[in-house]
Amino acid sequence: MVSRETSQTKTLFLGDGINDARSLTAATVGVAFGQNSDVTSEAAGAVIMDSSLQRVDEFFHISRRMRHIALESALGGMTLSVIGMGFAAAGLLPPVAGATRH
């Protein structure tokens, strides 16, 4: 059932037992609660050590913030690279100066 839903849209599956391992791997994102099983922990994309839905909410907030920081870093790095390439193309940044650290 999870596989069918995952083929149509992105899914999240929350599980806490060994019988959830297959669904955790079939979902777009699998989140395991607690430390009930090594199999469940291996099958999940994320493991929440506490069996509380409040921790799941915290997980979503943390993951959104991490994604935001990663996107900022990637876009910032690409922007600086393009600016550096522009300076180099204009002859204002010699290759040796661009390759060495100051």
N, C-alpha and C. Protein backbone atom coordinates (compact mmCIF):
# COMPACT_ATOMS: atom_id res chain seq x y z
N MET A 1 0.82 -1.18 0.00
CA MET A 1 0.00 0.00 0.00
C MET A 1 0.87 1.26 0.00
N VAL A 2 1.93 1.27 0.78
CA VAL A 2 2.83 2.42 0.82
C VAL A 2 3.50 2.60 -0.55
N SER A 3 3.89 1.49 -1.17
CA SER A 3 4.52 1.57 -2.50
C SER A 3 3.58 2.19 -3.52
N ARG A 4 2.32 1.83 -3.46
CA ARG A 4 1.34 2.38 -4.40
C ARG A 4 1.19 3.89 -4.19
N GLU A 5 1.08 4.32 -2.96
CA GLU A 5 0.96 5.75 -2.67
C GLU A 5 2.22 6.51 -3.05
N THR A 6 3.39 5.90 -2.80
CA THR A 6 4.66 6.54 -3.12
C THR A 6 4.82 6.72 -4.63
N SER A 7 4.25 5.82 -5.40
CA SER A 7 4.34 5.97 -6.86
C SER A 7 3.50 7.14 -7.36
N GLN A 8 2.52 7.58 -6.56
CA GLN A 8 1.65 8.69 -6.97
C GLN A 8 2.08 10.03 -6.40
N THR A 9 2.69 10.03 -5.22
CA THR A 9 3.08 11.28 -4.55
C THR A 9 4.17 10.99 -3.52
N LYS A 10 4.74 12.02 -2.96
CA LYS A 10 5.74 11.84 -1.91
C LYS A 10 5.04 11.41 -0.62
N THR A 11 5.65 10.46 0.08
CA THR A 11 5.04 9.92 1.29
C THR A 11 6.01 9.95 2.47
N LEU A 12 5.43 9.95 3.65
CA LEU A 12 6.18 9.86 4.90
C LEU A 12 5.54 8.73 5.69
N PHE A 13 6.38 7.81 6.18
CA PHE A 13 5.87 6.71 7.00
C PHE A 13 6.56 6.75 8.34
N LEU A 14 5.78 6.72 9.41
CA LEU A 14 6.29 6.67 10.78
C LEU A 14 6.07 5.26 11.31
N GLY A 15 7.13 4.64 11.80
CA GLY A 15 7.00 3.28 12.31
C GLY A 15 7.82 3.07 13.55
N ASP A 16 7.43 2.06 14.35
CA ASP A 16 8.17 1.79 15.59
C ASP A 16 8.50 0.33 15.79
N GLY A 17 8.21 -0.52 14.85
CA GLY A 17 8.45 -1.95 15.07
C GLY A 17 9.10 -2.61 13.89
N ILE A 18 9.51 -3.87 14.09
CA ILE A 18 10.21 -4.62 13.04
C ILE A 18 9.30 -4.87 11.83
N ASN A 19 8.01 -4.94 12.05
CA ASN A 19 7.08 -5.17 10.94
C ASN A 19 6.91 -3.93 10.07
N ASP A 20 7.50 -2.81 10.45
CA ASP A 20 7.39 -1.58 9.68
C ASP A 20 8.55 -1.38 8.70
N ALA A 21 9.56 -2.22 8.74
CA ALA A 21 10.77 -2.01 7.95
C ALA A 21 10.47 -1.91 6.46
N ARG A 22 9.62 -2.75 5.95
CA ARG A 22 9.30 -2.75 4.52
C ARG A 22 8.61 -1.45 4.11
N SER A 23 7.70 -0.97 4.93
CA SER A 23 7.00 0.29 4.64
C SER A 23 7.94 1.48 4.77
N LEU A 24 8.86 1.42 5.72
CA LEU A 24 9.83 2.51 5.90
C LEU A 24 10.71 2.67 4.66
N THR A 25 11.09 1.55 4.05
CA THR A 25 11.93 1.64 2.85
C THR A 25 11.11 2.01 1.61
N ALA A 26 9.84 1.65 1.58
CA ALA A 26 9.00 1.96 0.42
C ALA A 26 8.59 3.43 0.37
N ALA A 27 8.48 4.07 1.52
CA ALA A 27 8.05 5.47 1.57
C ALA A 27 9.17 6.38 1.07
N THR A 28 8.79 7.59 0.65
CA THR A 28 9.78 8.58 0.24
C THR A 28 10.70 8.88 1.40
N VAL A 29 10.12 9.10 2.58
CA VAL A 29 10.88 9.31 3.81
C VAL A 29 10.32 8.38 4.87
N GLY A 30 11.19 7.58 5.46
CA GLY A 30 10.78 6.69 6.54
C GLY A 30 11.38 7.18 7.84
N VAL A 31 10.54 7.32 8.87
CA VAL A 31 10.98 7.79 10.17
C VAL A 31 10.66 6.71 11.20
N ALA A 32 11.70 6.23 11.88
CA ALA A 32 11.53 5.19 12.91
C ALA A 32 11.52 5.84 14.28
N PHE A 33 10.60 5.38 15.13
CA PHE A 33 10.50 5.82 16.52
C PHE A 33 11.28 4.87 17.41
N GLY A 34 11.96 5.41 18.39
CA GLY A 34 12.57 4.61 19.44
C GLY A 34 13.69 3.71 18.97
N GLN A 35 14.10 2.82 19.86
CA GLN A 35 15.21 1.90 19.59
C GLN A 35 14.73 0.46 19.62
N ASN A 36 13.56 0.22 19.07
CA ASN A 36 12.96 -1.11 19.18
C ASN A 36 13.69 -2.17 18.38
N SER A 37 14.25 -1.80 17.22
CA SER A 37 14.82 -2.81 16.35
C SER A 37 15.93 -2.22 15.48
N ASP A 38 17.00 -2.97 15.32
CA ASP A 38 18.08 -2.56 14.42
C ASP A 38 17.59 -2.58 12.98
N VAL A 39 16.73 -3.53 12.64
CA VAL A 39 16.20 -3.63 11.28
C VAL A 39 15.41 -2.37 10.94
N THR A 40 14.56 -1.92 11.85
CA THR A 40 13.76 -0.72 11.62
C THR A 40 14.66 0.50 11.49
N SER A 41 15.66 0.60 12.34
CA SER A 41 16.58 1.74 12.29
C SER A 41 17.36 1.77 10.98
N GLU A 42 17.74 0.60 10.47
CA GLU A 42 18.47 0.54 9.21
C GLU A 42 17.57 0.88 8.02
N ALA A 43 16.30 0.51 8.09
CA ALA A 43 15.38 0.73 6.99
C ALA A 43 14.92 2.18 6.90
N ALA A 44 14.96 2.90 8.00
CA ALA A 44 14.44 4.26 8.04
C ALA A 44 15.45 5.27 7.51
N GLY A 45 14.93 6.37 6.99
CA GLY A 45 15.78 7.47 6.57
C GLY A 45 16.20 8.32 7.75
N ALA A 46 15.40 8.31 8.80
CA ALA A 46 15.69 9.07 10.02
C ALA A 46 15.20 8.25 11.21
N VAL A 47 15.91 8.37 12.32
CA VAL A 47 15.51 7.66 13.54
C VAL A 47 15.36 8.69 14.65
N ILE A 48 14.19 8.67 15.28
CA ILE A 48 13.92 9.55 16.43
C ILE A 48 13.97 8.66 17.66
N MET A 49 14.91 8.96 18.55
CA MET A 49 15.16 8.09 19.69
C MET A 49 14.01 8.08 20.70
N ASP A 50 13.26 9.16 20.78
CA ASP A 50 12.14 9.27 21.70
C ASP A 50 10.85 8.91 20.96
N SER A 51 9.93 8.24 21.60
CA SER A 51 8.67 7.85 20.97
C SER A 51 7.60 8.91 21.18
N SER A 52 7.90 10.13 20.76
CA SER A 52 6.99 11.24 20.96
C SER A 52 6.74 11.96 19.63
N LEU A 53 5.48 12.28 19.36
CA LEU A 53 5.16 13.03 18.14
C LEU A 53 5.72 14.44 18.18
N GLN A 54 5.98 14.96 19.37
CA GLN A 54 6.60 16.28 19.49
C GLN A 54 8.00 16.25 18.88
N ARG A 55 8.69 15.15 19.01
CA ARG A 55 10.03 15.01 18.42
C ARG A 55 9.94 14.99 16.89
N VAL A 56 8.88 14.43 16.36
CA VAL A 56 8.69 14.43 14.90
C VAL A 56 8.52 15.87 14.42
N ASP A 57 7.75 16.67 15.14
CA ASP A 57 7.59 18.07 14.80
C ASP A 57 8.93 18.80 14.83
N GLU A 58 9.73 18.54 15.87
CA GLU A 58 11.07 19.14 15.96
C GLU A 58 11.93 18.70 14.79
N PHE A 59 11.83 17.43 14.40
CA PHE A 59 12.57 16.90 13.26
C PHE A 59 12.24 17.68 11.99
N PHE A 60 10.96 17.96 11.77
CA PHE A 60 10.56 18.71 10.58
C PHE A 60 11.11 20.13 10.60
N HIS A 61 11.06 20.77 11.75
CA HIS A 61 11.61 22.13 11.86
C HIS A 61 13.12 22.14 11.61
N ILE A 62 13.82 21.19 12.19
CA ILE A 62 15.27 21.10 12.01
C ILE A 62 15.60 20.81 10.54
N SER A 63 14.87 19.90 9.92
CA SER A 63 15.16 19.54 8.54
C SER A 63 14.89 20.70 7.59
N ARG A 64 13.84 21.47 7.83
CA ARG A 64 13.58 22.66 7.00
C ARG A 64 14.71 23.66 7.13
N ARG A 65 15.17 23.89 8.36
CA ARG A 65 16.27 24.84 8.59
C ARG A 65 17.56 24.35 7.94
N MET A 66 17.85 23.06 8.03
CA MET A 66 19.04 22.51 7.40
C MET A 66 18.99 22.65 5.89
N ARG A 67 17.82 22.41 5.31
CA ARG A 67 17.66 22.56 3.86
C ARG A 67 17.88 24.01 3.44
N HIS A 68 17.34 24.93 4.21
CA HIS A 68 17.50 26.36 3.93
C HIS A 68 18.98 26.75 3.96
N ILE A 69 19.70 26.29 4.98
CA ILE A 69 21.12 26.60 5.11
C ILE A 69 21.91 25.99 3.95
N ALA A 70 21.59 24.76 3.58
CA ALA A 70 22.29 24.11 2.47
C ALA A 70 22.07 24.85 1.16
N LEU A 71 20.82 25.26 0.91
CA LEU A 71 20.54 26.02 -0.32
C LEU A 71 21.25 27.36 -0.33
N GLU A 72 21.26 28.05 0.82
CA GLU A 72 21.98 29.32 0.92
C GLU A 72 23.46 29.13 0.62
N SER A 73 24.05 28.10 1.18
CA SER A 73 25.47 27.83 0.98
C SER A 73 25.77 27.51 -0.48
N ALA A 74 24.95 26.68 -1.09
CA ALA A 74 25.17 26.31 -2.49
C ALA A 74 25.02 27.52 -3.41
N LEU A 75 23.96 28.28 -3.22
CA LEU A 75 23.75 29.46 -4.07
C LEU A 75 24.82 30.51 -3.83
N GLY A 76 25.23 30.70 -2.57
CA GLY A 76 26.29 31.65 -2.26
C GLY A 76 27.61 31.26 -2.90
N GLY A 77 27.95 29.98 -2.82
CA GLY A 77 29.18 29.48 -3.43
C GLY A 77 29.18 29.63 -4.94
N MET A 78 28.04 29.31 -5.57
CA MET A 78 27.94 29.45 -7.02
C MET A 78 28.03 30.92 -7.43
N THR A 79 27.39 31.79 -6.66
CA THR A 79 27.44 33.23 -6.96
C THR A 79 28.87 33.75 -6.88
N LEU A 80 29.58 33.39 -5.82
CA LEU A 80 30.97 33.82 -5.69
C LEU A 80 31.84 33.26 -6.81
N SER A 81 31.58 32.04 -7.23
CA SER A 81 32.34 31.45 -8.33
C SER A 81 32.10 32.19 -9.63
N VAL A 82 30.85 32.54 -9.89
CA VAL A 82 30.52 33.28 -11.12
C VAL A 82 31.18 34.66 -11.09
N ILE A 83 31.14 35.31 -9.94
CA ILE A 83 31.79 36.62 -9.81
C ILE A 83 33.30 36.48 -10.04
N GLY A 84 33.92 35.47 -9.44
CA GLY A 84 35.34 35.22 -9.64
C GLY A 84 35.68 34.94 -11.09
N MET A 85 34.82 34.15 -11.77
CA MET A 85 35.05 33.87 -13.19
C MET A 85 34.92 35.15 -14.02
N GLY A 86 34.00 36.02 -13.62
CA GLY A 86 33.85 37.30 -14.33
C GLY A 86 35.11 38.15 -14.19
N PHE A 87 35.65 38.23 -12.98
CA PHE A 87 36.90 38.97 -12.77
C PHE A 87 38.05 38.35 -13.57
N ALA A 88 38.11 37.00 -13.58
CA ALA A 88 39.16 36.31 -14.32
C ALA A 88 39.01 36.54 -15.83
N ALA A 89 37.79 36.51 -16.33
CA ALA A 89 37.55 36.73 -17.76
C ALA A 89 37.92 38.16 -18.16
N ALA A 90 37.74 39.10 -17.24
CA ALA A 90 38.08 40.50 -17.53
C ALA A 90 39.58 40.77 -17.35
N GLY A 91 40.32 39.76 -16.91
CA GLY A 91 41.75 39.92 -16.73
C GLY A 91 42.13 40.54 -15.40
N LEU A 92 41.18 40.69 -14.50
CA LEU A 92 41.46 41.30 -13.19
C LEU A 92 41.91 40.30 -12.14
N LEU A 93 41.82 39.03 -12.46
CA LEU A 93 42.22 37.97 -11.52
C LEU A 93 43.11 36.99 -12.27
N PRO A 94 44.43 37.12 -12.13
CA PRO A 94 45.33 36.19 -12.82
C PRO A 94 45.17 34.78 -12.30
N PRO A 95 45.42 33.76 -13.12
CA PRO A 95 45.23 32.37 -12.70
C PRO A 95 45.98 31.99 -11.43
N VAL A 96 47.21 32.49 -11.28
CA VAL A 96 47.98 32.12 -10.08
C VAL A 96 47.34 32.69 -8.83
N ALA A 97 46.85 33.94 -8.90
CA ALA A 97 46.19 34.55 -7.74
C ALA A 97 44.90 33.83 -7.40
N GLY A 98 44.20 33.34 -8.40
CA GLY A 98 42.95 32.61 -8.16
C GLY A 98 43.19 31.24 -7.57
N ALA A 99 44.36 30.64 -7.83
CA ALA A 99 44.65 29.29 -7.38
C ALA A 99 45.29 29.24 -6.00
N THR A 100 45.92 30.32 -5.58
CA THR A 100 46.62 30.32 -4.29
C THR A 100 45.76 30.89 -3.20
N ARG A 101 46.08 30.51 -1.97
CA ARG A 101 45.38 31.05 -0.79
C ARG A 101 46.22 32.15 -0.20
N HIS A 102 45.60 33.17 0.25
CA HIS A 102 46.31 34.28 0.91
C HIS A 102 46.06 34.23 2.39
